[in-house]
C-alpha atoms as a PDB file:
ATOM      1  CA  MET A   1      10.315 119.230 211.399  1.00  0.00           C
ATOM      2  CA  ILE A   2       8.160 116.349 210.161  1.00  0.00           C
ATOM      3  CA  THR A   3       6.003 114.511 212.696  1.00  0.00           C
ATOM      4  CA  ALA A   4       3.261 111.913 212.772  1.00  0.00           C
ATOM      5  CA  VAL A   5       0.218 112.717 214.872  1.00  0.00           C
ATOM      6  CA  HIS A   6      -2.999 110.889 215.697  1.00  0.00           C
ATOM      7  CA  ALA A   7      -5.603 113.636 215.608  1.00  0.00           C
ATOM      8  CA  ASP A   8      -8.682 115.095 214.014  1.00  0.00           C
ATOM      9  CA  ILE A   9      -7.104 117.184 211.246  1.00  0.00           C
ATOM     10  CA  THR A  10      -9.925 119.740 211.459  1.00  0.00           C
ATOM     11  CA  THR A  11      -8.923 120.714 215.023  1.00  0.00           C
ATOM     12  CA  LEU A  12      -5.221 121.352 214.436  1.00  0.00           C
ATOM     13  CA  ASP A  13      -3.863 124.855 214.948  1.00  0.00           C
ATOM     14  CA  VAL A  14      -1.682 125.055 211.822  1.00  0.00           C
ATOM     15  CA  ASP A  15      -1.540 127.509 208.952  1.00  0.00           C
ATOM     16  CA  VAL A  16      -2.742 124.923 206.410  1.00  0.00           C
ATOM     17  CA  VAL A  17      -4.738 121.727 206.554  1.00  0.00           C
ATOM     18  CA  VAL A  18      -4.662 119.634 203.413  1.00  0.00           C
ATOM     19  CA  ASN A  19      -7.911 118.244 202.112  1.00  0.00           C
ATOM     20  CA  ALA A  20      -7.973 114.981 200.175  1.00  0.00           C
ATOM     21  CA  ALA A  21     -10.644 116.304 197.832  1.00  0.00           C
ATOM     22  CA  ASN A  22     -12.537 114.926 194.875  1.00  0.00           C
ATOM     23  CA  ARG A  23     -12.272 116.468 191.406  1.00  0.00           C
ATOM     24  CA  ALA A  24     -15.528 118.408 191.711  1.00  0.00           C
ATOM     25  CA  MET A  25     -14.331 120.326 194.814  1.00  0.00           C
ATOM     26  CA  ARG A  26     -17.825 120.396 196.287  1.00  0.00           C
ATOM     27  CA  GLY A  27     -17.338 118.334 199.451  1.00  0.00           C
ATOM     28  CA  GLY A  28     -17.700 114.627 199.891  1.00  0.00           C
ATOM     29  CA  GLY A  29     -16.987 111.914 202.429  1.00  0.00           C
ATOM     30  CA  GLY A  30     -14.006 111.093 204.617  1.00  0.00           C
ATOM     31  CA  VAL A  31     -11.496 113.891 205.212  1.00  0.00           C
ATOM     32  CA  ASP A  32     -13.193 116.029 202.559  1.00  0.00           C
ATOM     33  CA  GLY A  33     -16.566 115.847 204.286  1.00  0.00           C
ATOM     34  CA  ALA A  34     -15.035 116.465 207.719  1.00  0.00           C
ATOM     35  CA  ILE A  35     -13.219 119.579 206.486  1.00  0.00           C
ATOM     36  CA  HIS A  36     -16.335 120.973 204.828  1.00  0.00           C
ATOM     37  CA  ARG A  37     -18.422 120.314 207.965  1.00  0.00           C
ATOM     38  CA  ALA A  38     -15.842 121.824 210.329  1.00  0.00           C
ATOM     39  CA  GLY A  39     -15.056 124.799 208.096  1.00  0.00           C
ATOM     40  CA  GLY A  40     -18.680 125.587 207.402  1.00  0.00           C
ATOM     41  CA  PRO A  41     -20.260 127.046 204.275  1.00  0.00           C
ATOM     42  CA  ALA A  42     -17.365 129.460 203.630  1.00  0.00           C
ATOM     43  CA  VAL A  43     -15.164 126.548 202.482  1.00  0.00           C
ATOM     44  CA  LEU A  44     -17.687 125.368 199.895  1.00  0.00           C
ATOM     45  CA  ALA A  45     -18.411 128.927 198.732  1.00  0.00           C
ATOM     46  CA  ASP A  46     -14.689 129.507 198.195  1.00  0.00           C
ATOM     47  CA  CYS A  47     -14.356 126.179 196.331  1.00  0.00           C
ATOM     48  CA  VAL A  48     -17.196 127.142 194.013  1.00  0.00           C
ATOM     49  CA  ARG A  49     -15.653 130.567 193.383  1.00  0.00           C
ATOM     50  CA  ARG A  50     -12.029 129.460 192.938  1.00  0.00           C
ATOM     51  CA  PHE A  51     -12.612 126.101 191.234  1.00  0.00           C
ATOM     52  CA  PRO A  52     -15.706 126.388 189.045  1.00  0.00           C
ATOM     53  CA  HIS A  53     -14.515 123.404 186.997  1.00  0.00           C
ATOM     54  CA  GLY A  54     -12.839 121.486 189.848  1.00  0.00           C
ATOM     55  CA  LEU A  55      -9.208 120.367 189.911  1.00  0.00           C
ATOM     56  CA  ALA A  56      -7.251 117.714 188.062  1.00  0.00           C
ATOM     57  CA  THR A  57      -5.858 114.670 189.831  1.00  0.00           C
ATOM     58  CA  GLY A  58      -2.465 115.516 191.327  1.00  0.00           C
ATOM     59  CA  ASP A  59      -3.104 119.260 191.433  1.00  0.00           C
ATOM     60  CA  ALA A  60      -3.776 121.502 194.436  1.00  0.00           C
ATOM     61  CA  GLY A  61      -5.358 124.852 195.228  1.00  0.00           C
ATOM     62  CA  TRP A  62      -6.380 126.776 198.328  1.00  0.00           C
ATOM     63  CA  THR A  63      -9.446 128.198 200.024  1.00  0.00           C
ATOM     64  CA  THR A  64     -10.294 129.738 203.339  1.00  0.00           C
ATOM     65  CA  ALA A  65     -10.456 127.347 206.298  1.00  0.00           C
ATOM     66  CA  GLY A  66     -13.708 128.898 207.459  1.00  0.00           C
ATOM     67  CA  LYS A  67     -14.407 128.080 211.109  1.00  0.00           C
ATOM     68  CA  MET A  68     -11.391 125.780 211.573  1.00  0.00           C
ATOM     69  CA  PRO A  69      -8.336 126.946 213.553  1.00  0.00           C
ATOM     70  CA  ALA A  70      -6.206 126.729 210.385  1.00  0.00           C
ATOM     71  CA  ARG A  71      -5.904 129.793 208.144  1.00  0.00           C
ATOM     72  CA  TRP A  72      -6.249 127.953 204.839  1.00  0.00           C
ATOM     73  CA  VAL A  73      -7.262 124.638 203.329  1.00  0.00           C
ATOM     74  CA  VAL A  74      -5.118 123.335 200.508  1.00  0.00           C
ATOM     75  CA  HIS A  75      -7.298 120.977 198.491  1.00  0.00           C
ATOM     76  CA  THR A  76      -5.618 118.263 196.446  1.00  0.00           C
ATOM     77  CA  VAL A  77      -7.146 115.543 194.313  1.00  0.00           C
ATOM     78  CA  GLY A  78      -5.551 112.151 194.847  1.00  0.00           C
ATOM     79  CA  PRO A  79      -5.700 109.259 192.411  1.00  0.00           C
ATOM     80  CA  ASN A  80      -8.534 106.781 192.904  1.00  0.00           C
ATOM     81  CA  TYR A  81      -6.661 103.465 193.146  1.00  0.00           C
ATOM     82  CA  GLY A  82      -9.914 101.531 193.453  1.00  0.00           C
ATOM     83  CA  ALA A  83     -11.009 102.945 190.081  1.00  0.00           C
ATOM     84  CA  GLY A  84      -7.742 101.992 188.383  1.00  0.00           C
ATOM     85  CA  GLU A  85      -5.779 105.238 188.860  1.00  0.00           C
ATOM     86  CA  THR A  86      -2.541 103.620 189.997  1.00  0.00           C
ATOM     87  CA  ASP A  87       0.058 106.144 188.800  1.00  0.00           C
ATOM     88  CA  ARG A  88       2.200 106.740 191.900  1.00  0.00           C
ATOM     89  CA  GLY A  89       3.481 109.972 190.339  1.00  0.00           C
ATOM     90  CA  LEU A  90       0.017 111.508 190.706  1.00  0.00           C
ATOM     91  CA  LEU A  91       0.043 110.772 194.430  1.00  0.00           C
ATOM     92  CA  VAL A  92       3.528 112.256 194.796  1.00  0.00           C
ATOM     93  CA  SER A  93       2.295 115.316 192.900  1.00  0.00           C
ATOM     94  CA  CYS A  94      -0.475 115.824 195.474  1.00  0.00           C
ATOM     95  CA  TYR A  95       2.080 116.276 198.247  1.00  0.00           C
ATOM     96  CA  ARG A  96       4.478 118.380 196.171  1.00  0.00           C
ATOM     97  CA  ARG A  97       1.761 120.681 194.822  1.00  0.00           C
ATOM     98  CA  SER A  98       0.241 121.070 198.287  1.00  0.00           C
ATOM     99  CA  LEU A  99       3.618 122.131 199.690  1.00  0.00           C
ATOM    100  CA  GLU A 100       4.106 124.589 196.803  1.00  0.00           C
ATOM    101  CA  VAL A 101       0.674 126.155 197.337  1.00  0.00           C
ATOM    102  CA  ALA A 102       1.271 126.411 201.101  1.00  0.00           C
ATOM    103  CA  GLU A 103       4.631 128.096 200.536  1.00  0.00           C
ATOM    104  CA  ASN A 104       3.075 130.560 198.086  1.00  0.00           C
ATOM    105  CA  LEU A 105       0.572 131.468 200.815  1.00  0.00           C
ATOM    106  CA  GLY A 106       3.426 132.154 203.253  1.00  0.00           C
ATOM    107  CA  ALA A 107       2.471 129.253 205.512  1.00  0.00           C
ATOM    108  CA  ARG A 108       4.913 127.942 208.094  1.00  0.00           C
ATOM    109  CA  SER A 109       2.944 124.874 209.211  1.00  0.00           C
ATOM    110  CA  ILE A 110       0.897 122.243 207.377  1.00  0.00           C
ATOM    111  CA  ALA A 111      -1.034 119.092 208.265  1.00  0.00           C
ATOM    112  CA  PHE A 112      -1.569 116.312 205.721  1.00  0.00           C
ATOM    113  CA  PRO A 113      -3.966 113.373 205.851  1.00  0.00           C
ATOM    114  CA  LEU A 114      -2.871 110.208 204.052  1.00  0.00           C
ATOM    115  CA  ILE A 115      -4.049 111.204 200.593  1.00  0.00           C
ATOM    116  CA  SER A 116      -5.981 108.526 198.665  1.00  0.00           C
ATOM    117  CA  ALA A 117      -5.647 106.006 201.528  1.00  0.00           C
ATOM    118  CA  GLY A 118      -9.325 106.039 202.482  1.00  0.00           C
ATOM    119  CA  VAL A 119     -12.211 105.629 200.086  1.00  0.00           C
ATOM    120  CA  TYR A 120      -9.801 105.831 197.101  1.00  0.00           C
ATOM    121  CA  ARG A 121      -8.189 102.606 198.429  1.00  0.00           C
ATOM    122  CA  TRP A 122      -4.496 103.332 197.795  1.00  0.00           C
ATOM    123  CA  PRO A 123      -2.619 100.528 199.627  1.00  0.00           C
ATOM    124  CA  ARG A 124      -1.908 101.881 203.114  1.00  0.00           C
ATOM    125  CA  ALA A 125       1.794 100.945 203.288  1.00  0.00           C
ATOM    126  CA  ASP A 126       2.495 102.647 199.966  1.00  0.00           C
ATOM    127  CA  ALA A 127       0.347 105.668 200.857  1.00  0.00           C
ATOM    128  CA  ILE A 128       2.503 106.089 203.963  1.00  0.00           C
ATOM    129  CA  ALA A 129       5.725 105.605 201.973  1.00  0.00           C
ATOM    130  CA  VAL A 130       4.665 108.186 199.371  1.00  0.00           C
ATOM    131  CA  ALA A 131       3.690 110.714 202.045  1.00  0.00           C
ATOM    132  CA  VAL A 132       6.978 110.343 203.910  1.00  0.00           C
ATOM    133  CA  GLU A 133       9.182 110.261 200.794  1.00  0.00           C
ATOM    134  CA  SER A 134       7.424 113.274 199.310  1.00  0.00           C
ATOM    135  CA  VAL A 135       7.670 115.543 202.330  1.00  0.00           C
ATOM    136  CA  MET A 136      11.178 114.417 203.300  1.00  0.00           C
ATOM    137  CA  SER A 137      12.565 115.053 199.821  1.00  0.00           C
ATOM    138  CA  ALA A 138      10.803 118.376 199.259  1.00  0.00           C
ATOM    139  CA  ALA A 139      12.817 121.577 199.249  1.00  0.00           C
ATOM    140  CA  THR A 140      10.525 123.613 201.476  1.00  0.00           C
ATOM    141  CA  SER A 141      10.713 126.447 203.949  1.00  0.00           C
ATOM    142  CA  LEU A 142       7.779 125.084 205.953  1.00  0.00           C
ATOM    143  CA  GLU A 143       8.900 124.587 209.546  1.00  0.00           C
ATOM    144  CA  ASP A 144       6.206 122.218 210.809  1.00  0.00           C
ATOM    145  CA  ILE A 145       4.904 119.378 208.624  1.00  0.00           C
ATOM    146  CA  ARG A 146       2.467 116.981 210.274  1.00  0.00           C
ATOM    147  CA  LEU A 147       1.315 113.695 208.805  1.00  0.00           C
ATOM    148  CA  VAL A 148      -2.035 113.089 210.454  1.00  0.00           C
ATOM    149  CA  ALA A 149      -3.134 109.531 211.168  1.00  0.00           C
ATOM    150  CA  TYR A 150      -6.726 108.490 211.702  1.00  0.00           C
ATOM    151  CA  ASP A 151      -5.728 105.826 214.259  1.00  0.00           C
ATOM    152  CA  ALA A 152      -2.830 104.903 216.551  1.00  0.00           C
ATOM    153  CA  ALA A 153      -1.687 101.997 214.353  1.00  0.00           C
ATOM    154  CA  THR A 154      -1.353 104.281 211.346  1.00  0.00           C
ATOM    155  CA  GLN A 155       0.529 106.839 213.434  1.00  0.00           C
ATOM    156  CA  SER A 156       2.993 104.112 214.472  1.00  0.00           C
ATOM    157  CA  ALA A 157       3.422 103.034 210.846  1.00  0.00           C
ATOM    158  CA  ILE A 158       4.105 106.632 209.773  1.00  0.00           C
ATOM    159  CA  GLU A 159       6.614 107.061 212.606  1.00  0.00           C
ATOM    160  CA  ALA A 160       8.417 103.873 211.543  1.00  0.00           C
ATOM    161  CA  GLU A 161       8.584 105.096 207.931  1.00  0.00           C
ATOM    162  CA  LEU A 162       9.856 108.504 209.084  1.00  0.00           C
ATOM    163  CA  SER A 163      12.547 106.782 211.133  1.00  0.00           C
ATOM    164  CA  ALA A 164      13.539 104.509 208.237  1.00  0.00           C
ATOM    165  CA  GLY A 165      13.502 107.428 205.809  1.00  0.00           C
ATOM    166  CA  SER A 166      15.741 109.584 207.966  1.00  0.00           C
ATOM    167  CA  SER A 167      18.310 106.789 208.208  1.00  0.00           C
ATOM    168  CA  ARG A 168      18.511 106.238 204.414  1.00  0.00           C
ATOM    169  CA  SER A 169      21.208 107.987 202.463  1.00  0.00           C
ATOM    170  CA  PRO A 170      19.953 110.237 199.651  1.00  0.00           C
ATOM    171  CA  GLU A 171      21.426 107.811 197.116  1.00  0.00           C
ATOM    172  CA  ASP A 172      19.469 104.851 198.520  1.00  0.00           C
ATOM    173  CA  PRO A 173      16.287 104.092 196.634  1.00  0.00           C
ATOM    174  CA  PRO A 174      13.117 103.914 198.722  1.00  0.00           C
ATOM    175  CA  PRO A 175      12.042 100.419 199.667  1.00  0.00           C
ATOM    176  CA  ALA A 176       9.857  98.623 197.158  1.00  0.00           C
ATOM    177  CA  THR A 177       6.269  98.536 198.257  1.00  0.00           C
ATOM    178  CA  THR A 178       3.638  96.160 197.103  1.00  0.00           C
ATOM    179  CA  GLY A 179       0.212  95.429 198.270  1.00  0.00           C
ATOM    180  CA  SER A 180      -3.353  95.310 197.287  1.00  0.00           C
ATOM    181  CA  PRO A 181      -6.150  97.544 198.418  1.00  0.00           C
END
């Protein structure tokens, strides 16, 4: 089941919350900062231990969730559109790799933010399309996939994309998306 929710991702009772991390894996702003604050020092300590050299864009890895209700955090590094990283395949890889890591952990539920849609300035409509396309097309045993919106308007946009995506035939190409940050 794939749903859109308007919530604080750090408060969700799921097996995995996904962190839109930076390459250094040492905390930051936005979702990354919120997850590190909510999870406490255990999240950073695990990042330092597991990722001494950080992670590449499009890759994912896991740590403890610390004090959050989730069991694990899957950290993924999205492309920085504002800095010229516009390869959509890297953004798709973030979702796919996160799902793979969650499955390897034995997770049954996962919550994703819109990766790269904040400070990395990926155009919102395309960020939503990539998120929905990626999770809908993934072969996964996860039972509960939540796309977490930071506001009600974004939740509505995700719900509309989920509805449109579920009505497309597998042979239909996704709609073309354009836009500027």
